[in-house]
Protein backbone atom coordinates (compact mmCIF):
# COMPACT_ATOMS: atom_id res chain seq x y z
CA MET A 1 0.00 0.00 0.00
CA GLU A 2 1.45 3.32 -1.09
CA GLY A 3 -0.36 5.40 1.53
CA LEU A 4 -1.89 8.85 1.20
CA GLN A 5 -0.56 11.46 -1.21
CA ARG A 6 -2.35 14.40 0.37
CA PHE A 7 -4.23 15.12 3.58
CA SER A 8 -7.84 16.14 3.90
CA VAL A 9 -9.12 18.59 6.49
CA GLU A 10 -10.44 15.62 8.45
CA ASP A 11 -7.00 13.96 8.27
CA ILE A 12 -5.45 16.99 9.98
CA LYS A 13 -7.96 16.66 12.80
CA GLY A 14 -6.99 12.99 13.05
CA ILE A 15 -3.30 13.94 13.22
CA LEU A 16 -3.96 16.26 16.13
CA ILE A 17 -5.98 13.61 17.97
CA VAL A 18 -3.12 11.13 17.52
CA PHE A 19 -0.68 13.83 18.69
CA ARG A 20 -2.81 14.51 21.77
CA ASP A 21 -2.89 10.81 22.65
CA ALA A 22 0.86 10.48 22.04
CA LEU A 23 1.61 13.40 24.35
CA SER A 24 -0.56 11.83 27.02
CA THR A 25 1.30 8.53 26.70
CA HIS A 26 4.74 10.19 26.64
CA SER A 27 3.95 12.86 29.24
CA GLU A 28 5.85 11.19 32.06
CA LEU A 29 8.94 10.74 29.87
CA LEU A 30 8.86 14.35 28.63
CA ASN A 31 8.50 15.58 32.20
CA ALA A 32 11.54 13.53 33.18
CA LEU A 33 13.60 15.02 30.31
CA ASN A 34 12.66 18.58 31.34
CA VAL A 35 15.80 20.29 32.72
CA TYR A 36 15.71 23.52 30.65
CA PRO A 37 14.94 26.38 31.16
CA VAL A 38 14.24 25.11 34.70
CA PRO A 39 13.97 21.48 35.89
CA ASP A 40 10.35 21.77 36.95
CA GLY A 41 9.28 18.55 35.26
CA ASP A 42 6.18 19.86 33.49
CA THR A 43 6.97 19.96 29.76
CA GLY A 44 4.95 16.85 28.95
CA THR A 45 2.05 17.98 31.09
CA ASN A 46 1.99 21.46 29.55
CA MET A 47 2.21 20.22 25.96
CA SER A 48 -0.52 17.67 26.68
CA LEU A 49 -2.82 20.32 28.18
CA THR A 50 -2.30 22.49 25.09
CA LEU A 51 -3.43 19.68 22.77
CA GLN A 52 -6.37 18.82 25.00
CA SER A 53 -7.56 22.40 24.57
CA VAL A 54 -7.16 22.17 20.77
CA ILE A 55 -9.14 18.92 20.52
CA GLN A 56 -11.86 20.26 22.80
CA GLU A 57 -12.20 23.32 20.58
CA LEU A 58 -12.31 21.14 17.46
CA GLU A 59 -15.03 18.97 18.94
CA ASP A 60 -17.09 22.04 19.79
CA THR A 61 -16.98 23.53 16.27
CA SER A 62 -18.58 22.75 12.94
CA VAL A 63 -16.80 20.54 10.41
CA ASP A 64 -16.07 23.07 7.65
CA ALA A 65 -12.40 23.84 6.95
CA SER A 66 -12.49 27.51 7.92
CA SER A 67 -13.92 26.70 11.35
CA GLN A 68 -11.35 23.97 11.89
CA TRP A 69 -8.34 26.22 11.25
CA LYS A 70 -9.79 28.87 13.55
CA ALA A 71 -10.45 26.25 16.24
CA ILE A 72 -6.86 25.00 16.10
CA SER A 73 -5.50 28.53 16.33
CA HIS A 74 -7.81 29.66 19.13
CA GLY A 75 -7.68 26.40 21.09
CA SER A 76 -3.90 26.29 21.12
CA LEU A 77 -3.63 29.96 22.14
CA MET A 78 -6.12 29.70 24.99
CA GLY A 79 -4.96 26.32 26.27
CA ALA A 80 -1.19 26.84 26.19
CA ARG A 81 0.59 26.50 29.52
CA GLY A 82 4.24 26.92 30.41
CA ASN A 83 7.15 27.77 28.15
CA SER A 84 6.81 24.59 26.08
CA GLY A 85 3.04 24.85 25.69
CA VAL A 86 3.18 28.46 24.51
CA ILE A 87 5.87 27.71 21.89
CA LEU A 88 3.90 24.64 20.74
CA SER A 89 0.78 26.78 20.40
CA GLN A 90 2.63 29.12 18.05
CA ILE A 91 3.74 26.16 15.94
CA LEU A 92 0.19 24.81 15.70
CA ARG A 93 -1.25 28.25 14.92
CA SER A 94 1.25 28.71 12.09
CA ILE A 95 0.54 25.28 10.62
CA ALA A 96 -3.21 25.99 10.69
CA ASP A 97 -2.66 29.41 9.14
CA THR A 98 -0.65 27.92 6.24
CA PHE A 99 -3.08 25.07 5.58
CA SER A 100 -6.03 27.48 5.57
CA SER A 101 -4.70 29.13 2.41
CA CYS A 102 -3.65 25.96 0.55
CA GLU A 103 -5.75 24.34 -2.16
CA GLU A 104 -4.54 20.92 -1.08
CA ILE A 105 -2.39 19.71 1.82
CA ASN A 106 0.48 17.95 0.05
CA THR A 107 4.24 17.87 0.55
CA VAL A 108 4.63 21.46 -0.67
CA ALA A 109 1.98 22.72 1.75
CA ILE A 110 3.51 20.77 4.63
CA ALA A 111 6.98 22.15 3.89
CA GLN A 112 5.57 25.67 3.82
CA ALA A 113 3.70 25.07 7.09
CA LEU A 114 6.81 23.73 8.83
CA ALA A 115 8.86 26.73 7.66
CA HIS A 116 6.16 29.17 8.80
CA ALA A 117 5.92 27.38 12.15
CA SER A 118 9.68 27.51 12.69
CA ASP A 119 9.92 31.22 11.84
CA ALA A 120 6.97 32.07 14.08
CA ALA A 121 8.31 30.01 16.99
CA TYR A 122 11.66 31.82 16.86
CA ALA A 123 9.87 35.19 16.65
CA SER A 124 7.76 34.39 19.73
CA VAL A 125 10.81 33.88 21.96
CA LEU A 126 12.62 37.05 22.97
CA ARG A 127 16.00 35.32 23.38
CA PRO A 128 15.97 32.11 21.29
CA VAL A 129 18.27 29.35 22.55
CA GLU A 130 19.63 26.61 20.29
CA GLY A 131 19.38 23.00 21.39
CA THR A 132 15.67 23.35 22.11
CA ILE A 133 12.42 22.68 20.26
CA LEU A 134 13.29 25.74 18.15
CA THR A 135 16.34 24.00 16.69
CA VAL A 136 14.48 20.78 15.94
CA ALA A 137 11.66 22.68 14.22
CA ARG A 138 14.10 24.75 12.15
CA GLN A 139 16.24 21.85 10.99
CA VAL A 140 13.20 19.79 10.04
CA ALA A 141 11.74 22.76 8.12
CA GLU A 142 15.02 23.27 6.27
CA LEU A 143 15.15 19.64 5.13
CA ALA A 144 11.47 19.69 4.13
CA SER A 145 12.08 22.75 1.94
CA GLU A 146 15.08 21.07 0.29
CA ILE A 147 13.05 17.96 -0.54
CA VAL A 148 10.17 19.81 -2.19
CA ASP A 149 12.56 22.10 -4.08
CA GLU A 150 14.11 19.02 -5.64
CA SER A 151 10.76 17.50 -6.60
CA GLU A 152 7.38 19.11 -6.04
CA ASN A 153 5.79 15.72 -6.77
CA SER A 154 7.68 13.89 -4.01
CA ASN A 155 5.85 10.96 -2.46
CA LEU A 156 4.05 12.05 0.73
CA VAL A 157 4.98 9.00 2.81
CA HIS A 158 8.63 9.10 1.73
CA PHE A 159 8.68 12.84 2.45
CA LEU A 160 7.29 12.31 5.94
CA GLU A 161 9.72 9.45 6.60
CA LYS A 162 12.62 11.78 5.84
CA ILE A 163 11.42 14.65 8.03
CA VAL A 164 10.65 12.30 10.94
CA GLU A 165 14.17 10.89 10.64
CA GLU A 166 15.62 14.41 10.49
CA GLY A 167 13.59 15.29 13.60
CA ARG A 168 15.04 12.26 15.39
CA LEU A 169 18.61 13.15 14.41
CA SER A 170 18.13 16.81 15.29
CA LEU A 171 16.80 15.83 18.70
CA GLN A 172 19.85 13.63 19.29
CA ARG A 173 22.07 16.64 18.52
CA THR A 174 20.42 18.97 21.06
CA PRO A 175 22.83 18.07 23.93
CA ASP A 176 25.75 19.23 21.74
CA LEU A 177 24.14 22.69 21.48
CA LEU A 178 22.87 23.17 25.04
CA PRO A 179 25.38 22.24 27.79
CA VAL A 180 22.77 21.72 30.52
CA LEU A 181 21.26 18.89 28.46
CA LYS A 182 24.61 17.15 28.01
CA GLU A 183 25.50 17.56 31.68
CA ALA A 184 22.15 16.12 32.72
CA GLY A 185 22.38 13.32 30.15
CA VAL A 186 19.14 14.09 28.30
CA VAL A 187 17.79 15.46 25.02
CA ASP A 188 15.48 18.48 24.89
CA ALA A 189 12.00 17.71 26.22
CA GLY A 190 10.20 20.17 23.94
CA GLY A 191 12.03 18.83 20.90
CA ALA A 192 10.99 15.30 21.86
CA GLY A 193 7.39 16.48 22.00
CA TYR A 194 7.70 18.10 18.56
CA LEU A 195 9.00 14.79 17.14
CA LEU A 196 5.71 13.21 18.24
CA LEU A 197 3.84 15.76 16.09
CA LEU A 198 5.88 14.74 13.03
CA SER A 199 5.30 11.06 13.83
CA SER A 200 1.56 11.73 14.02
CA PHE A 201 1.62 12.98 10.40
CA LEU A 202 3.33 9.77 9.31
CA HIS A 203 0.92 7.64 11.32
CA ILE A 204 -2.13 9.05 9.55
CA ALA A 205 -0.44 8.90 6.13
CA ASP A 206 0.80 5.33 6.34
CA GLY A 207 -0.38 3.75 9.58
CA ARG A 208 3.15 3.89 10.98
CA PRO A 209 2.95 3.30 14.75
CA ILE A 210 3.87 6.06 17.17
CA PRO A 211 7.06 4.98 18.99
CA ALA A 212 6.43 3.77 22.52
CA PRO A 213 7.90 5.98 25.25
CA ALA A 214 11.39 4.98 26.30
CA GLU A 215 12.25 4.38 29.93
CA ALA A 216 12.66 7.67 31.78
CA PRO A 217 16.38 8.54 32.05
CA VAL A 218 18.23 8.86 35.32
CA ILE A 219 18.86 12.61 35.50
CA ASN A 220 22.11 14.03 36.82
CA ALA A 221 20.10 16.06 39.34
CA GLU A 222 23.02 17.93 40.85
CA VAL A 223 23.96 19.38 37.47
CA ALA A 224 20.40 20.02 36.38
CA LYS A 225 19.43 21.89 39.52
CA HIS A 226 22.38 24.15 40.14
CA PRO A 227 22.78 27.33 38.10
CA ARG A 228 25.88 27.81 36.01
CA ASN A 229 26.80 31.42 36.61
CA ASN A 230 28.84 31.67 33.43
CA ASP A 231 26.13 30.21 31.21
CA PRO A 232 24.13 32.99 29.54
CA THR A 233 21.25 30.60 28.87
CA ASP A 234 20.71 29.78 32.54
CA VAL A 235 17.56 31.13 34.16
CA GLY A 236 17.62 28.88 37.24
CA GLU A 237 17.88 31.82 39.66
CA LEU A 238 14.55 33.27 38.49
CA ARG A 239 11.97 32.12 40.98
CA TYR A 240 8.52 32.74 39.52
CA GLU A 241 6.72 31.78 36.33
CA VAL A 242 4.11 34.38 35.42
CA MET A 243 1.57 33.78 32.66
CA PHE A 244 -1.45 35.73 31.49
CA PHE A 245 -3.54 36.59 28.48
CA LEU A 246 -3.04 40.17 27.35
CA ALA A 247 -5.62 42.14 25.37
CA ALA A 248 -3.56 44.88 23.71
CA LEU A 249 -2.91 46.69 20.45
CA ASP A 250 -0.61 44.64 18.22
CA GLU A 251 1.77 47.58 17.75
CA GLU A 252 2.35 47.80 21.53
CA ILE A 253 3.64 44.24 21.95
CA ASP A 254 7.27 44.87 20.96
CA VAL A 255 7.56 47.56 23.64
CA PHE A 256 5.94 45.20 26.15
CA LYS A 257 8.46 42.46 25.31
CA GLN A 258 11.37 44.85 25.81
CA GLU A 259 9.99 45.94 29.17
CA TRP A 260 9.72 42.30 30.22
CA ALA A 261 13.28 41.72 29.01
CA SER A 262 14.54 44.03 31.75
CA ILE A 263 12.94 41.99 34.56
CA GLY A 264 13.20 38.35 33.50
CA ASP A 265 13.93 35.66 30.95
CA SER A 266 12.35 32.64 29.26
CA ILE A 267 9.99 35.17 27.66
CA VAL A 268 7.48 33.84 25.14
CA VAL A 269 4.64 35.96 23.74
CA VAL A 270 2.31 34.48 21.12
CA GLY A 271 -0.95 35.58 19.55
CA GLY A 272 -2.22 38.42 17.41
CA ASP A 273 -5.28 40.43 16.49
CA GLY A 274 -5.35 42.02 19.93
CA LEU A 275 -4.95 38.90 22.14
CA TYR A 276 -1.66 37.39 23.35
CA ASN A 277 -0.59 34.53 25.60
CA CYS A 278 2.41 35.78 27.63
CA HIS A 279 5.00 33.80 29.63
CA ILE A 280 8.02 34.93 31.69
CA HIS A 281 10.35 33.71 34.44
CA THR A 282 11.12 36.53 36.86
CA ASN A 283 11.86 37.46 40.46
CA ASP A 284 9.47 40.44 40.34
CA ILE A 285 5.87 39.28 39.98
CA GLY A 286 4.43 42.75 40.46
CA ALA A 287 6.58 44.34 37.74
CA ALA A 288 5.63 41.58 35.28
CA ILE A 289 1.91 42.15 35.83
CA GLU A 290 2.23 45.95 35.89
CA ALA A 291 3.95 45.88 32.49
CA GLY A 292 0.88 44.09 31.15
CA ILE A 293 -1.42 46.68 32.70
CA ARG A 294 0.54 49.53 31.07
CA THR A 295 0.27 47.78 27.70
CA GLY A 296 -3.34 46.59 27.79
CA THR A 297 -5.60 44.42 29.92
CA PRO A 298 -4.11 41.25 31.42
CA ASN A 299 -6.44 38.47 32.54
CA THR A 300 -6.28 34.83 33.68
CA ILE A 301 -3.04 35.62 35.52
CA ARG A 302 -1.25 32.56 36.89
CA VAL A 303 1.85 32.62 39.10
CA THR A 304 3.93 29.55 39.97
CA ASP A 305 6.82 29.41 42.43
CA LEU A 306 9.36 27.43 40.39
CA HIS A 307 11.49 26.61 43.43
CA GLU A 308 8.54 25.00 45.20
CA GLU A 309 7.46 23.30 41.98
CA ILE A 310 10.87 21.65 41.66
CA GLU A 311 10.93 20.47 45.29
CA HIS A 312 7.44 19.01 45.53
CA ARG A 313 5.58 19.04 42.24
CA GLU A 314 2.26 17.24 41.88
CA GLU A 315 2.41 14.05 39.85
CA ILE A 316 -0.73 15.14 37.98
CA LEU A 317 -1.38 18.82 37.39
CA GLU A 318 -4.74 20.00 38.69
CA ILE A 319 -6.43 23.15 37.51
CA GLY A 320 -8.06 25.26 40.19
CA GLY A 321 -10.72 27.92 40.01
CA ALA A 322 -14.09 26.30 40.71
CA THR A 323 -16.24 28.45 43.00
CA LYS A 324 -18.68 27.22 45.65
CA VAL A 325 -20.89 29.79 47.36
CA THR A 326 -21.22 28.56 50.95
CA LYS A 327 -23.17 31.31 52.69
CA ALA A 328 -25.60 33.91 51.42
CA ILE A 329 -25.44 37.56 52.46
CA GLU A 330 -28.72 38.09 54.31
CA GLU A 331 -28.31 41.72 55.34
CA GLU A 332 -27.28 44.75 53.32
CA GLY A 333 -23.98 46.33 54.27
CA LEU A 334 -22.28 43.13 55.42
CA THR A 335 -18.78 42.26 54.17
CA ALA A 336 -18.17 38.90 52.51
CA VAL A 337 -15.09 36.65 52.63
CA ILE A 338 -13.77 34.42 49.85
CA ALA A 339 -11.12 31.79 50.67
CA VAL A 340 -8.92 29.83 48.25
CA VAL A 341 -8.66 26.26 49.56
CA ALA A 342 -7.75 22.71 48.53
CA GLY A 343 -9.42 19.69 50.11
CA LYS A 344 -12.98 18.96 51.22
CA GLY A 345 -12.05 19.02 54.88
CA VAL A 346 -10.24 22.36 54.62
CA SER A 347 -13.24 23.74 52.76
CA ALA A 348 -15.52 22.53 55.56
CA VAL A 349 -13.34 24.24 58.18
CA PHE A 350 -13.56 27.55 56.36
CA GLU A 351 -17.29 27.15 55.84
CA SER A 352 -17.72 26.55 59.58
CA LEU A 353 -15.82 29.78 60.23
CA GLY A 354 -18.27 31.74 58.10
CA VAL A 355 -16.67 32.31 54.68
CA HIS A 356 -19.18 33.11 51.97
CA ALA A 357 -17.44 31.32 49.09
CA VAL A 358 -14.51 28.98 48.55
CA VAL A 359 -12.44 28.77 45.36
CA SER A 360 -10.48 25.59 44.66
CA GLY A 361 -6.77 26.24 44.54
CA GLY A 362 -3.38 25.69 46.07
CA GLN A 363 0.14 24.71 45.02
CA SER A 364 0.12 23.84 41.27
CA MET A 365 -3.63 24.48 40.95
CA ASN A 366 -3.72 28.23 41.20
CA PRO A 367 -6.95 30.00 40.26
CA SER A 368 -6.79 32.82 37.74
CA VAL A 369 -7.91 36.44 38.08
CA ARG A 370 -10.99 35.50 36.07
CA ASP A 371 -11.82 32.69 38.53
CA LEU A 372 -11.59 35.07 41.48
CA ILE A 373 -13.64 37.73 39.70
CA GLN A 374 -16.38 35.15 39.11
CA ALA A 375 -16.34 34.31 42.82
CA VAL A 376 -16.60 37.99 43.79
CA GLU A 377 -19.48 38.54 41.40
CA ALA A 378 -21.29 35.43 42.67
CA ILE A 379 -21.72 37.00 46.12
CA LYS A 380 -24.30 39.72 46.74
CA ALA A 381 -22.01 42.01 48.73
CA GLU A 382 -20.37 45.29 47.80
CA GLU A 383 -17.45 44.72 50.22
CA VAL A 384 -15.39 41.55 49.72
CA ILE A 385 -12.26 40.16 51.37
CA ILE A 386 -10.11 37.51 49.65
CA LEU A 387 -7.91 35.07 51.58
CA PRO A 388 -5.42 33.62 49.03
CA ASN A 389 -3.87 31.16 51.52
CA ASN A 390 -0.86 30.68 49.22
CA LYS A 391 1.87 33.18 48.41
CA ASN A 392 1.62 32.43 44.66
CA ILE A 393 -2.05 33.47 44.67
CA ILE A 394 -1.55 36.79 46.50
CA PRO A 395 -0.44 38.83 43.42
CA VAL A 396 -3.25 37.31 41.35
CA SER A 397 -5.82 38.23 44.01
CA GLU A 398 -4.53 41.80 44.11
CA GLN A 399 -5.62 42.32 40.49
CA VAL A 400 -9.31 41.69 41.22
CA ASN A 401 -10.23 45.05 42.79
CA SER A 402 -9.44 47.01 39.61
CA GLN A 403 -11.57 44.65 37.51
CA VAL A 404 -14.86 44.86 39.43
CA ASP A 405 -17.24 47.54 40.69
CA LYS A 406 -17.08 46.22 44.26
CA SER A 407 -14.53 47.07 46.96
CA VAL A 408 -12.15 44.09 47.20
CA VAL A 409 -9.37 43.79 49.79
CA VAL A 410 -6.74 41.03 49.92
CA ILE A 411 -5.48 39.75 53.27
CA PRO A 412 -2.04 38.37 52.26
CA THR A 413 -2.42 34.94 53.87
CA ARG A 414 0.29 32.55 52.73
CA SER A 415 -1.09 29.31 54.15
CA ILE A 416 -4.27 27.61 55.30
CA PRO A 417 -3.46 28.15 59.03
CA GLU A 418 -2.90 31.86 58.38
CA GLY A 419 -6.27 32.03 56.64
CA ILE A 420 -7.98 30.35 59.58
CA ALA A 421 -6.28 32.70 62.06
CA SER A 422 -7.31 35.80 60.09
CA LEU A 423 -10.95 34.68 60.06
CA ILE A 424 -11.04 34.75 63.84
CA ALA A 425 -10.50 38.53 63.64
CA PHE A 426 -13.10 39.10 60.90
CA ASP A 427 -15.94 41.53 61.62
CA PRO A 428 -18.75 41.12 59.03
CA LYS A 429 -20.31 44.45 59.99
CA ALA A 430 -17.11 46.41 59.25
CA ASP A 431 -16.11 47.26 55.70
CA ALA A 432 -13.26 45.49 53.93
CA GLN A 433 -10.65 48.21 54.55
CA SER A 434 -11.49 48.35 58.26
CA ASN A 435 -11.00 44.58 58.53
CA LEU A 436 -7.60 44.70 56.82
CA PRO A 437 -5.35 45.65 59.81
CA SER A 438 -6.83 43.26 62.36
CA MET A 439 -7.08 40.27 59.99
CA SER A 440 -3.56 40.84 58.64
CA GLU A 441 -2.16 41.10 62.15
CA ALA A 442 -3.89 37.87 63.18
CA ALA A 443 -2.41 36.06 60.17
CA GLN A 444 1.08 37.36 60.93
CA GLU A 445 0.96 36.26 64.55
CA ILE A 446 0.61 32.57 63.67
CA THR A 447 3.64 30.40 62.86
CA THR A 448 2.98 27.91 60.09
CA GLY A 449 4.54 24.80 58.57
CA GLU A 450 3.67 21.93 56.28
CA VAL A 451 4.91 18.47 55.38
CA THR A 452 5.15 17.10 51.85
CA ARG A 453 7.19 14.60 49.84
CA ALA A 454 10.11 15.45 47.56
CA VAL A 455 9.76 14.27 43.98
CA ARG A 456 13.38 15.00 43.04
CA ASP A 457 16.83 15.14 44.57
CA SER A 458 17.90 18.64 45.61
CA GLU A 459 20.17 20.63 47.90
CA THR A 460 18.37 22.71 50.54
CA GLN A 461 19.23 24.90 53.49
CA ALA A 462 18.51 21.90 55.73
CA GLY A 463 20.74 19.52 53.76
CA LYS A 464 20.46 17.16 50.82
CA VAL A 465 16.99 15.92 49.89
CA LYS A 466 16.53 12.65 48.02
CA GLU A 467 13.54 11.78 45.88
CA GLY A 468 10.89 10.24 48.15
CA ASP A 469 12.10 11.94 51.33
CA TRP A 470 9.56 13.68 53.54
CA ILE A 471 10.32 17.36 54.06
CA GLY A 472 9.03 19.85 56.59
CA LEU A 473 8.63 23.40 55.28
CA ASP A 474 8.52 26.55 57.37
CA GLN A 475 8.13 30.07 56.05
CA SER A 476 11.79 30.23 54.99
CA GLY A 477 11.96 26.90 53.17
CA VAL A 478 12.95 23.32 53.99
CA SER A 479 13.40 22.90 57.75
CA SER A 480 13.41 19.12 58.25
CA ILE A 481 14.20 16.05 56.15
CA SER A 482 13.43 12.41 56.96
CA GLU A 483 12.56 9.09 55.36
CA SER A 484 9.63 9.03 57.83
CA MET A 485 6.64 11.32 57.35
CA THR A 486 5.98 11.34 61.09
CA GLN A 487 9.59 12.16 61.97
CA ALA A 488 9.72 14.97 59.40
CA ALA A 489 6.58 16.41 61.03
CA ILE A 490 7.98 16.11 64.57
CA ASN A 491 11.31 17.67 63.58
CA LEU A 492 9.47 20.54 61.91
CA LEU A 493 7.27 21.16 64.96
CA ASP A 494 10.36 21.16 67.17
CA THR A 495 11.67 24.17 65.21
CA LEU A 496 8.28 25.95 65.06
CA ILE A 497 7.24 25.80 68.72
CA ASP A 498 8.75 27.90 71.49
CA PRO A 499 7.72 28.32 75.16
CA ASP A 500 5.55 31.34 74.37
CA HIS A 501 3.18 29.32 72.20
CA GLU A 502 -0.12 28.01 73.53
CA LEU A 503 -1.88 26.14 70.70
CA VAL A 504 -0.91 23.81 67.85
CA SER A 505 -3.46 23.14 65.11
CA ILE A 506 -2.88 20.03 63.00
CA ILE A 507 -4.71 19.85 59.68
CA SER A 508 -4.37 16.34 58.27
CA GLY A 509 -4.39 15.67 54.54
CA ASP A 510 -3.75 12.94 51.98
CA GLY A 511 -1.14 10.48 53.26
CA SER A 512 -1.67 11.08 56.95
CA ASN A 513 -3.05 8.32 59.15
CA GLU A 514 -4.32 7.80 62.69
CA GLU A 515 -1.11 6.17 63.91
CA SER A 516 1.02 9.05 62.67
CA ILE A 517 -1.32 11.65 64.18
CA ARG A 518 -1.24 9.77 67.50
CA GLU A 519 2.58 9.68 67.51
CA ILE A 520 2.78 13.41 66.78
CA SER A 521 0.23 14.20 69.50
CA GLU A 522 2.07 12.04 72.06
CA TRP A 523 5.37 13.73 71.22
CA LEU A 524 3.75 17.12 71.72
CA GLN A 525 2.36 16.05 75.11
CA GLU A 526 5.77 14.82 76.25
CA GLU A 527 8.07 17.46 74.74
CA LYS A 528 5.81 20.53 74.51
CA PRO A 529 3.31 20.05 77.37
CA TYR A 530 2.53 23.78 77.52
CA VAL A 531 0.67 23.74 74.18
CA ALA A 532 -2.88 22.52 73.54
CA VAL A 533 -3.43 20.44 70.40
CA GLU A 534 -6.32 20.58 67.94
CA VAL A 535 -6.65 18.16 65.00
CA HIS A 536 -8.80 18.87 61.93
CA ALA A 537 -9.35 16.58 58.93
CA GLY A 538 -8.45 18.73 55.92
CA ASP A 539 -8.19 16.14 53.09
CA GLN A 540 -5.83 18.49 51.23
CA PRO A 541 -3.78 16.98 48.39
CA LEU A 542 0.04 16.85 48.43
CA TYR A 543 0.44 17.81 52.09
CA PRO A 544 -0.30 15.20 54.80
CA TYR A 545 0.06 17.94 57.41
CA TYR A 546 -0.46 21.67 57.77
CA PHE A 547 0.57 23.12 61.14
CA GLY A 548 -0.47 26.37 62.75
CA VAL A 549 1.25 27.42 65.98
CA GLU A 550 -0.01 30.36 68.03
């Protein structure tokens, strides 16, 4: 069987479905390869989420060609997450744009699409780095153009075989171009994802199977995690990933990019026609968001602490933002409180303390500005207080007031225990601004900590952490390390509690158990007899224990 000689519009949809499924299957491997620009292990997840958004958009649209190209473009723009997802979205948008103007999708059209995609991907990155997905896309596009220049009637299957092989060889060469890859012993994760796109074309054309994911490599973690001060491509010291959609005039975007260039790196901005998906790594969250405000209107702002993400990333990314109204405002003039929480038990605790709405969110499942605006608008109160309960969500929450007609105040709570403490000082009959000092002071007076599990080796202020270790985190970082969850919790509490404290609140989550809670409580009775102990079932993911000491 000779295979197809051209693709139909429906074939392209099939290619993207195969690509989505391949990314899902290879997601764990791509995450393991991810050491650049930071080793946060999310390249496979972010690329997979981007394709899920594309397929969802395709399934929600009509079948005519024009609608399909628009769906691919819009779905990839709106669903892109992380550095890799945003670059991939630009590649998909460019391919759709090229195919939309072609009479038939043959080898010439594919070569043109690959060239357009490569050029656009490079243009979207402020400081392109070789040895990444950009290199693989460019070298494949160059070979594709050479083939069709030699023979415009080249066989489609043979053409695709050659560009898939070139993609494989180009990917193998990435460690020679990017030292961090060679030192870590891996190829580029984004480039590996792009090779799956090329393989999906060949699969639809000739039934060629998508290669099964290889075994995840053993990463040289010490090299991958530590910045190389003399390497101009290193962005490991930049702590936060900031992403948002920006509604702005197209002619203002170059100035916006240059302003971002002064405060960060790993900058990718894609889009057009007044809407852009923007990504940066920076140490100044506020400046990144303010640059967007000066340029246009940012929305769906998401902030991730890359250092925390590396130390204890979720195995499966969750997306936060769902709102549950828990208490109606029954009298005019009362102030409402919205809390961002994770876990049914934690939600129940906040409901019992009188919050009017809870928004799902926490580490790696941060709600967006839009999510918080929807929560504010769902409550019939003109005065609203937001408790972010996570330091990554504070700057996002602070954008809400300017976007609504209500008065919105943010109490900068960095943890669930701080949120609980601040609620004790809440006065529903006072306006939001009047509540700010007392609630903020109450949050600051509590000492907090949490226990989670490390998913990678790393060096910390408390010593070396191995994958699988339990770590206790205080407000300055890692405070205790142990192979035992219970011991990590006890060691953490030993550093948190001093003789002036009177109460320890234990909020148990996924992974905790009755025996562990009993051992912790007995240790407290023996070693810290001056403190009372309260235990609440929080059911929060990732963290078996939250502690609040006051």
